Amino acid sequence: MNNEWQDLPNMRAVSVAQNSGWEIEVFSGNDGWFPWEGNIWASGATYRGRPAQPAKITVTSECWRAISDGSLLWLKPDRGAGFGWKRFPAGDITGEVEE
């Protein structure tokens, strides 16, 4: 997936990007880049775009440790590993995945 921003130097480039479903941002002086609302074109503004990125969500996998041999297992939160396993919160993994 291409996530590199590309300059959109004119109204035509912005229009083509918008029609293609791209994410478009406009530069606002000292405040930096902001998502473009898509309803006003300003000829003096600076625009950039990139192909739409996949939606992401944050998930956590809970870590469980086997009492017998110390092996580890990761499960969905609140699922529980059952008898012979003990929760090991220090081993939890949190990260982003595509929705």
N, C-alpha and C. Protein backbone atom coordinates (compact mmCIF):
# COMPACT_ATOMS: atom_id res chain seq x y z
N MET A 1 0.86 -1.18 0.00
CA MET A 1 0.00 0.00 0.00
C MET A 1 0.89 1.22 0.00
N ASN A 2 0.60 2.14 -0.89
CA ASN A 2 1.37 3.38 -0.98
C ASN A 2 0.84 4.37 0.05
N ASN A 3 1.68 4.77 0.99
CA ASN A 3 1.23 5.75 1.98
C ASN A 3 2.02 7.05 1.89
N GLU A 4 2.76 7.22 0.80
CA GLU A 4 3.53 8.45 0.59
C GLU A 4 2.63 9.57 0.10
N TRP A 5 2.75 10.74 0.72
CA TRP A 5 1.97 11.89 0.29
C TRP A 5 2.53 12.43 -1.01
N GLN A 6 1.63 12.86 -1.91
CA GLN A 6 2.02 13.44 -3.19
C GLN A 6 1.47 14.86 -3.27
N ASP A 7 2.26 15.77 -3.81
CA ASP A 7 1.78 17.14 -4.00
C ASP A 7 0.64 17.14 -5.00
N LEU A 8 -0.38 17.94 -4.71
CA LEU A 8 -1.50 18.14 -5.63
C LEU A 8 -1.46 19.62 -6.01
N PRO A 9 -0.75 19.96 -7.10
CA PRO A 9 -0.41 21.35 -7.39
C PRO A 9 -1.54 22.21 -7.96
N ASN A 10 -2.63 21.60 -8.39
CA ASN A 10 -3.70 22.41 -8.99
C ASN A 10 -5.06 21.79 -8.73
N MET A 11 -6.11 22.51 -9.11
CA MET A 11 -7.48 22.07 -8.85
C MET A 11 -7.78 20.74 -9.54
N ARG A 12 -7.24 20.56 -10.74
CA ARG A 12 -7.48 19.30 -11.46
C ARG A 12 -6.90 18.12 -10.68
N ALA A 13 -5.67 18.25 -10.19
CA ALA A 13 -5.04 17.16 -9.43
C ALA A 13 -5.82 16.85 -8.17
N VAL A 14 -6.31 17.88 -7.48
CA VAL A 14 -7.12 17.68 -6.27
C VAL A 14 -8.42 16.97 -6.64
N SER A 15 -9.04 17.39 -7.75
CA SER A 15 -10.30 16.80 -8.19
C SER A 15 -10.14 15.31 -8.53
N VAL A 16 -9.07 14.99 -9.26
CA VAL A 16 -8.81 13.59 -9.63
C VAL A 16 -8.58 12.76 -8.37
N ALA A 17 -7.79 13.29 -7.45
CA ALA A 17 -7.52 12.56 -6.19
C ALA A 17 -8.80 12.35 -5.40
N GLN A 18 -9.64 13.38 -5.33
CA GLN A 18 -10.89 13.27 -4.59
C GLN A 18 -11.80 12.23 -5.23
N ASN A 19 -11.89 12.24 -6.56
CA ASN A 19 -12.70 11.26 -7.28
C ASN A 19 -12.21 9.83 -7.07
N SER A 20 -10.92 9.68 -6.83
CA SER A 20 -10.32 8.36 -6.62
C SER A 20 -10.40 7.91 -5.16
N GLY A 21 -11.00 8.73 -4.30
CA GLY A 21 -11.16 8.36 -2.90
C GLY A 21 -9.93 8.57 -2.05
N TRP A 22 -9.01 9.40 -2.52
CA TRP A 22 -7.79 9.65 -1.77
C TRP A 22 -8.05 10.47 -0.52
N GLU A 23 -7.12 10.35 0.44
CA GLU A 23 -7.07 11.26 1.57
C GLU A 23 -6.40 12.53 1.06
N ILE A 24 -6.97 13.69 1.37
CA ILE A 24 -6.41 14.95 0.93
C ILE A 24 -6.24 15.86 2.14
N GLU A 25 -5.08 16.52 2.20
CA GLU A 25 -4.81 17.47 3.27
C GLU A 25 -4.46 18.82 2.67
N VAL A 26 -4.71 19.86 3.45
CA VAL A 26 -4.38 21.23 3.05
C VAL A 26 -3.46 21.82 4.12
N PHE A 27 -2.48 22.59 3.68
CA PHE A 27 -1.51 23.19 4.60
C PHE A 27 -2.05 24.50 5.14
N SER A 28 -1.95 24.67 6.46
CA SER A 28 -2.49 25.87 7.09
C SER A 28 -1.39 26.59 7.87
N GLY A 29 -0.57 27.33 7.17
CA GLY A 29 0.46 28.15 7.81
C GLY A 29 1.26 27.45 8.87
N ASN A 30 1.35 28.06 10.05
CA ASN A 30 2.15 27.50 11.14
C ASN A 30 1.51 26.29 11.80
N ASP A 31 0.25 26.02 11.51
CA ASP A 31 -0.45 24.92 12.16
C ASP A 31 -0.22 23.57 11.50
N GLY A 32 0.36 23.54 10.31
CA GLY A 32 0.66 22.28 9.64
C GLY A 32 -0.47 21.78 8.73
N TRP A 33 -0.50 20.49 8.53
CA TRP A 33 -1.45 19.85 7.62
C TRP A 33 -2.73 19.46 8.33
N PHE A 34 -3.86 19.65 7.64
CA PHE A 34 -5.17 19.27 8.17
C PHE A 34 -5.97 18.57 7.08
N PRO A 35 -6.86 17.62 7.47
CA PRO A 35 -7.71 16.99 6.46
C PRO A 35 -8.54 18.05 5.72
N TRP A 36 -8.60 17.91 4.41
CA TRP A 36 -9.38 18.84 3.58
C TRP A 36 -10.83 18.40 3.62
N GLU A 37 -11.73 19.35 3.87
CA GLU A 37 -13.15 19.06 3.98
C GLU A 37 -13.79 18.76 2.62
N GLY A 38 -13.14 19.15 1.55
CA GLY A 38 -13.63 18.79 0.24
C GLY A 38 -14.72 19.67 -0.34
N ASN A 39 -14.95 20.84 0.26
CA ASN A 39 -16.03 21.67 -0.27
C ASN A 39 -15.58 23.07 -0.69
N ILE A 40 -14.34 23.44 -0.43
CA ILE A 40 -13.85 24.77 -0.81
C ILE A 40 -12.46 24.61 -1.42
N TRP A 41 -12.24 25.26 -2.56
CA TRP A 41 -10.93 25.27 -3.20
C TRP A 41 -10.33 26.65 -3.05
N ALA A 42 -9.11 26.74 -2.58
CA ALA A 42 -8.41 28.02 -2.46
C ALA A 42 -7.17 27.96 -3.34
N SER A 43 -7.10 28.81 -4.35
CA SER A 43 -6.01 28.74 -5.33
C SER A 43 -4.63 28.96 -4.70
N GLY A 44 -4.55 29.68 -3.60
CA GLY A 44 -3.25 29.93 -2.97
C GLY A 44 -2.86 28.89 -1.94
N ALA A 45 -3.72 27.93 -1.68
CA ALA A 45 -3.44 26.92 -0.66
C ALA A 45 -2.56 25.80 -1.23
N THR A 46 -1.90 25.07 -0.35
CA THR A 46 -1.07 23.94 -0.73
C THR A 46 -1.80 22.65 -0.33
N TYR A 47 -1.94 21.74 -1.30
CA TYR A 47 -2.66 20.48 -1.07
C TYR A 47 -1.72 19.30 -1.30
N ARG A 48 -2.02 18.21 -0.61
CA ARG A 48 -1.31 16.97 -0.85
C ARG A 48 -2.31 15.83 -0.68
N GLY A 49 -1.99 14.66 -1.24
CA GLY A 49 -2.90 13.53 -1.14
C GLY A 49 -2.16 12.21 -1.19
N ARG A 50 -2.88 11.16 -0.82
CA ARG A 50 -2.35 9.80 -0.92
C ARG A 50 -3.55 8.86 -1.03
N PRO A 51 -3.32 7.67 -1.59
CA PRO A 51 -4.42 6.72 -1.66
C PRO A 51 -4.97 6.45 -0.27
N ALA A 52 -6.28 6.21 -0.19
CA ALA A 52 -6.91 5.95 1.11
C ALA A 52 -6.21 4.79 1.81
N GLN A 53 -5.98 4.96 3.09
CA GLN A 53 -5.31 3.94 3.90
C GLN A 53 -6.36 3.04 4.55
N PRO A 54 -6.03 1.77 4.76
CA PRO A 54 -6.99 0.89 5.41
C PRO A 54 -7.28 1.37 6.83
N ALA A 55 -8.53 1.21 7.24
CA ALA A 55 -8.91 1.57 8.61
C ALA A 55 -8.19 0.62 9.57
N LYS A 56 -7.76 1.16 10.68
CA LYS A 56 -7.05 0.35 11.68
C LYS A 56 -7.74 0.46 13.03
N ILE A 57 -7.63 -0.60 13.80
CA ILE A 57 -8.13 -0.60 15.17
C ILE A 57 -7.01 -1.08 16.09
N THR A 58 -7.09 -0.70 17.35
CA THR A 58 -6.11 -1.14 18.34
C THR A 58 -6.66 -2.35 19.08
N VAL A 59 -5.87 -3.41 19.15
CA VAL A 59 -6.27 -4.62 19.84
C VAL A 59 -5.22 -5.00 20.88
N THR A 60 -5.66 -5.74 21.88
CA THR A 60 -4.75 -6.24 22.91
C THR A 60 -4.90 -7.74 23.01
N SER A 61 -3.78 -8.44 23.05
CA SER A 61 -3.78 -9.88 23.30
C SER A 61 -3.26 -10.09 24.72
N GLU A 62 -4.05 -10.78 25.55
CA GLU A 62 -3.63 -11.04 26.93
C GLU A 62 -2.68 -12.23 26.96
N CYS A 63 -1.66 -12.12 27.78
CA CYS A 63 -0.66 -13.17 27.91
C CYS A 63 -0.98 -14.08 29.10
N TRP A 64 -0.86 -15.38 28.89
CA TRP A 64 -1.06 -16.39 29.93
C TRP A 64 0.19 -17.26 29.98
N ARG A 65 0.57 -17.65 31.20
CA ARG A 65 1.79 -18.44 31.41
C ARG A 65 1.40 -19.78 32.03
N ALA A 66 1.93 -20.85 31.42
CA ALA A 66 1.65 -22.20 31.94
C ALA A 66 2.38 -22.40 33.26
N ILE A 67 1.65 -22.85 34.27
CA ILE A 67 2.24 -23.09 35.59
C ILE A 67 3.27 -24.22 35.51
N SER A 68 3.02 -25.21 34.67
CA SER A 68 3.89 -26.39 34.62
C SER A 68 5.26 -26.13 34.00
N ASP A 69 5.31 -25.42 32.87
CA ASP A 69 6.60 -25.28 32.20
C ASP A 69 6.95 -23.84 31.78
N GLY A 70 6.10 -22.87 32.09
CA GLY A 70 6.38 -21.47 31.80
C GLY A 70 6.13 -21.05 30.35
N SER A 71 5.57 -21.96 29.54
CA SER A 71 5.28 -21.55 28.16
C SER A 71 4.20 -20.47 28.16
N LEU A 72 4.18 -19.67 27.11
CA LEU A 72 3.27 -18.54 27.03
C LEU A 72 2.20 -18.75 25.96
N LEU A 73 1.04 -18.10 26.19
CA LEU A 73 -0.10 -18.19 25.28
C LEU A 73 -0.78 -16.83 25.27
N TRP A 74 -1.18 -16.35 24.07
CA TRP A 74 -1.88 -15.07 23.97
C TRP A 74 -3.30 -15.30 23.48
N LEU A 75 -4.26 -14.67 24.18
CA LEU A 75 -5.68 -14.83 23.86
C LEU A 75 -6.40 -13.49 23.84
N LYS A 76 -7.61 -13.49 23.30
CA LYS A 76 -8.46 -12.30 23.37
C LYS A 76 -8.69 -11.94 24.83
N PRO A 77 -8.85 -10.65 25.11
CA PRO A 77 -9.11 -10.24 26.51
C PRO A 77 -10.33 -10.94 27.09
N ASP A 78 -10.25 -11.24 28.36
CA ASP A 78 -11.33 -11.85 29.14
C ASP A 78 -11.74 -13.24 28.66
N ARG A 79 -10.91 -13.89 27.87
CA ARG A 79 -11.26 -15.24 27.42
C ARG A 79 -10.83 -16.28 28.45
N GLY A 80 -9.64 -16.09 29.01
CA GLY A 80 -9.15 -17.03 30.02
C GLY A 80 -8.59 -18.29 29.40
N ALA A 81 -7.50 -18.80 29.95
CA ALA A 81 -6.85 -19.98 29.40
C ALA A 81 -7.25 -21.25 30.13
N GLY A 82 -7.89 -21.11 31.28
CA GLY A 82 -8.33 -22.30 32.00
C GLY A 82 -7.33 -22.80 33.02
N PHE A 83 -7.61 -24.00 33.52
CA PHE A 83 -6.80 -24.61 34.56
C PHE A 83 -5.37 -24.82 34.09
N GLY A 84 -4.42 -24.53 34.96
CA GLY A 84 -3.00 -24.73 34.65
C GLY A 84 -2.33 -23.52 34.04
N TRP A 85 -3.08 -22.44 33.89
CA TRP A 85 -2.52 -21.22 33.32
C TRP A 85 -2.73 -20.06 34.27
N LYS A 86 -1.78 -19.14 34.30
CA LYS A 86 -1.88 -17.98 35.16
C LYS A 86 -1.67 -16.73 34.31
N ARG A 87 -2.49 -15.69 34.57
CA ARG A 87 -2.37 -14.43 33.83
C ARG A 87 -0.98 -13.83 34.01
N PHE A 88 -0.40 -13.34 32.93
CA PHE A 88 0.92 -12.70 32.95
C PHE A 88 0.80 -11.35 32.23
N PRO A 89 0.25 -10.31 32.93
CA PRO A 89 -0.01 -9.02 32.29
C PRO A 89 1.21 -8.35 31.68
N ALA A 90 2.39 -8.58 32.21
CA ALA A 90 3.59 -7.95 31.66
C ALA A 90 3.86 -8.42 30.23
N GLY A 91 3.29 -9.53 29.83
CA GLY A 91 3.50 -10.05 28.48
C GLY A 91 2.42 -9.67 27.49
N ASP A 92 1.42 -8.87 27.93
CA ASP A 92 0.34 -8.45 27.02
C ASP A 92 0.93 -7.71 25.82
N ILE A 93 0.29 -7.86 24.68
CA ILE A 93 0.72 -7.18 23.46
C ILE A 93 -0.43 -6.32 22.95
N THR A 94 -0.15 -5.05 22.71
CA THR A 94 -1.14 -4.13 22.14
C THR A 94 -0.58 -3.60 20.84
N GLY A 95 -1.43 -3.57 19.82
CA GLY A 95 -0.97 -3.08 18.52
C GLY A 95 -2.13 -2.76 17.62
N GLU A 96 -1.82 -2.19 16.46
CA GLU A 96 -2.83 -1.83 15.48
C GLU A 96 -2.91 -2.89 14.39
N VAL A 97 -4.14 -3.20 13.97
CA VAL A 97 -4.37 -4.13 12.87
C VAL A 97 -5.39 -3.52 11.93
N GLU A 98 -5.37 -3.97 10.67
CA GLU A 98 -6.38 -3.48 9.74
C GLU A 98 -7.74 -3.97 10.17
N GLU A 99 -8.72 -3.11 10.00
CA GLU A 99 -10.08 -3.45 10.42
C GLU A 99 -10.68 -4.46 9.49
